[in-house]
Protein backbone atom coordinates (compact mmCIF):
# COMPACT_ATOMS: atom_id res chain seq x y z
CA MET A 1 13.84 3.97 4.02
CA GLY A 2 12.05 6.91 2.41
CA ASN A 3 13.89 6.49 -0.89
CA VAL A 4 12.97 2.80 -1.07
CA VAL A 5 9.29 3.57 -0.42
CA GLU A 6 9.28 6.40 -2.99
CA GLU A 7 10.86 4.14 -5.62
CA LEU A 8 8.32 1.39 -4.95
CA GLN A 9 5.43 3.86 -5.15
CA ARG A 10 6.74 5.05 -8.56
CA GLN A 11 6.65 1.51 -9.90
CA LEU A 12 2.91 1.22 -9.32
CA LEU A 13 0.21 2.39 -11.71
CA ARG A 14 -1.01 4.86 -9.08
CA PRO A 15 0.12 5.60 -5.52
CA HIS A 16 -0.95 2.98 -2.99
CA MET A 17 -2.89 4.74 -0.23
CA CYS A 18 -3.58 3.55 3.31
CA LYS A 19 -7.29 3.18 2.56
CA ASP A 20 -6.48 0.84 -0.39
CA CYS A 21 -4.70 -1.66 1.86
CA ASP A 22 -6.24 -4.64 3.58
CA LYS A 23 -3.90 -3.98 6.54
CA TRP A 24 -5.67 -0.68 7.26
CA TYR A 25 -9.06 -0.64 8.88
CA GLY A 26 -10.54 2.79 9.26
CA GLN A 27 -13.77 4.59 9.74
CA GLU A 28 -15.70 5.76 6.70
CA ASP A 29 -16.79 8.97 8.40
CA ASP A 30 -13.39 10.25 9.54
CA GLU A 31 -11.01 8.03 7.52
CA TYR A 32 -8.68 7.45 10.48
CA GLY A 33 -7.75 3.93 11.45
CA PRO A 34 -5.01 1.60 12.63
CA CYS A 35 -2.44 0.08 10.29
CA MET A 36 -1.76 -3.55 11.24
CA TYR A 37 1.92 -3.22 10.25
CA LYS A 38 2.48 -0.31 12.61
CA HIS A 39 0.40 -1.92 15.33
CA ALA A 40 2.37 -5.20 15.10
CA ARG A 41 5.64 -3.26 15.50
CA LYS A 42 4.09 -1.60 18.57
CA ASP A 43 4.63 1.85 17.07
CA GLU A 44 3.46 4.52 19.46
CA ARG A 45 1.24 6.14 16.81
CA PHE A 46 -0.28 3.50 14.57
CA VAL A 47 -3.44 5.36 13.61
CA THR A 48 -3.16 6.66 10.06
CA TYR A 49 -5.26 8.78 7.78
CA GLY A 50 -6.67 6.84 4.83
CA ALA A 51 -5.61 9.41 2.25
CA HIS A 52 -1.90 9.12 3.11
CA GLU A 53 0.38 7.26 0.74
CA CYS A 54 1.45 3.91 2.16
CA ASP A 55 4.92 4.03 3.74
CA GLU A 56 5.27 0.31 4.48
CA ALA A 57 8.02 -1.15 2.27
CA GLU A 58 6.86 -4.75 2.82
CA GLU A 59 3.35 -3.95 1.55
CA LEU A 60 4.65 -1.93 -1.40
CA GLN A 61 7.09 -4.68 -2.43
CA ALA A 62 4.21 -7.17 -2.51
CA ARG A 63 2.08 -4.74 -4.54
CA VAL A 64 4.89 -4.12 -7.05
CA ALA A 65 5.46 -7.88 -7.43
CA ARG A 66 1.75 -8.47 -8.08
CA TRP A 67 1.66 -5.57 -10.56
CA ARG A 68 4.66 -6.96 -12.48
CA GLU A 69 3.10 -10.43 -12.54
CA HIS A 70 -0.17 -8.98 -13.80
CA LYS A 71 1.58 -6.94 -16.50
CA SER A 72 3.45 -9.99 -17.78
CA GLU A 73 0.30 -12.09 -18.23
CA PRO A 74 -1.05 -12.23 -21.80
CA SER A 75 -4.37 -10.47 -22.27
CA PRO A 76 -7.42 -12.67 -22.89
CA GLY A 77 -8.00 -11.06 -26.28
CA GLY A 78 -4.44 -11.69 -27.39
CA THR A 79 -3.57 -8.00 -27.63
């Protein structure tokens, strides 16, 4: 699974971090919070640190697809 996640992260403009995801809801003061993916799977430890790179393949696949779609759209200025 690690290789898949690493490859997906490489396809993005910048690494997707836990704190950038709408599935993570953390505290501003300590930046720890639950990840809804891990919580839904009933992982024993679903609290993550916001500065960690996302390791959820499903989320990264969706981000890569949106990035590719965005890149393929023509720019408003025609450049």
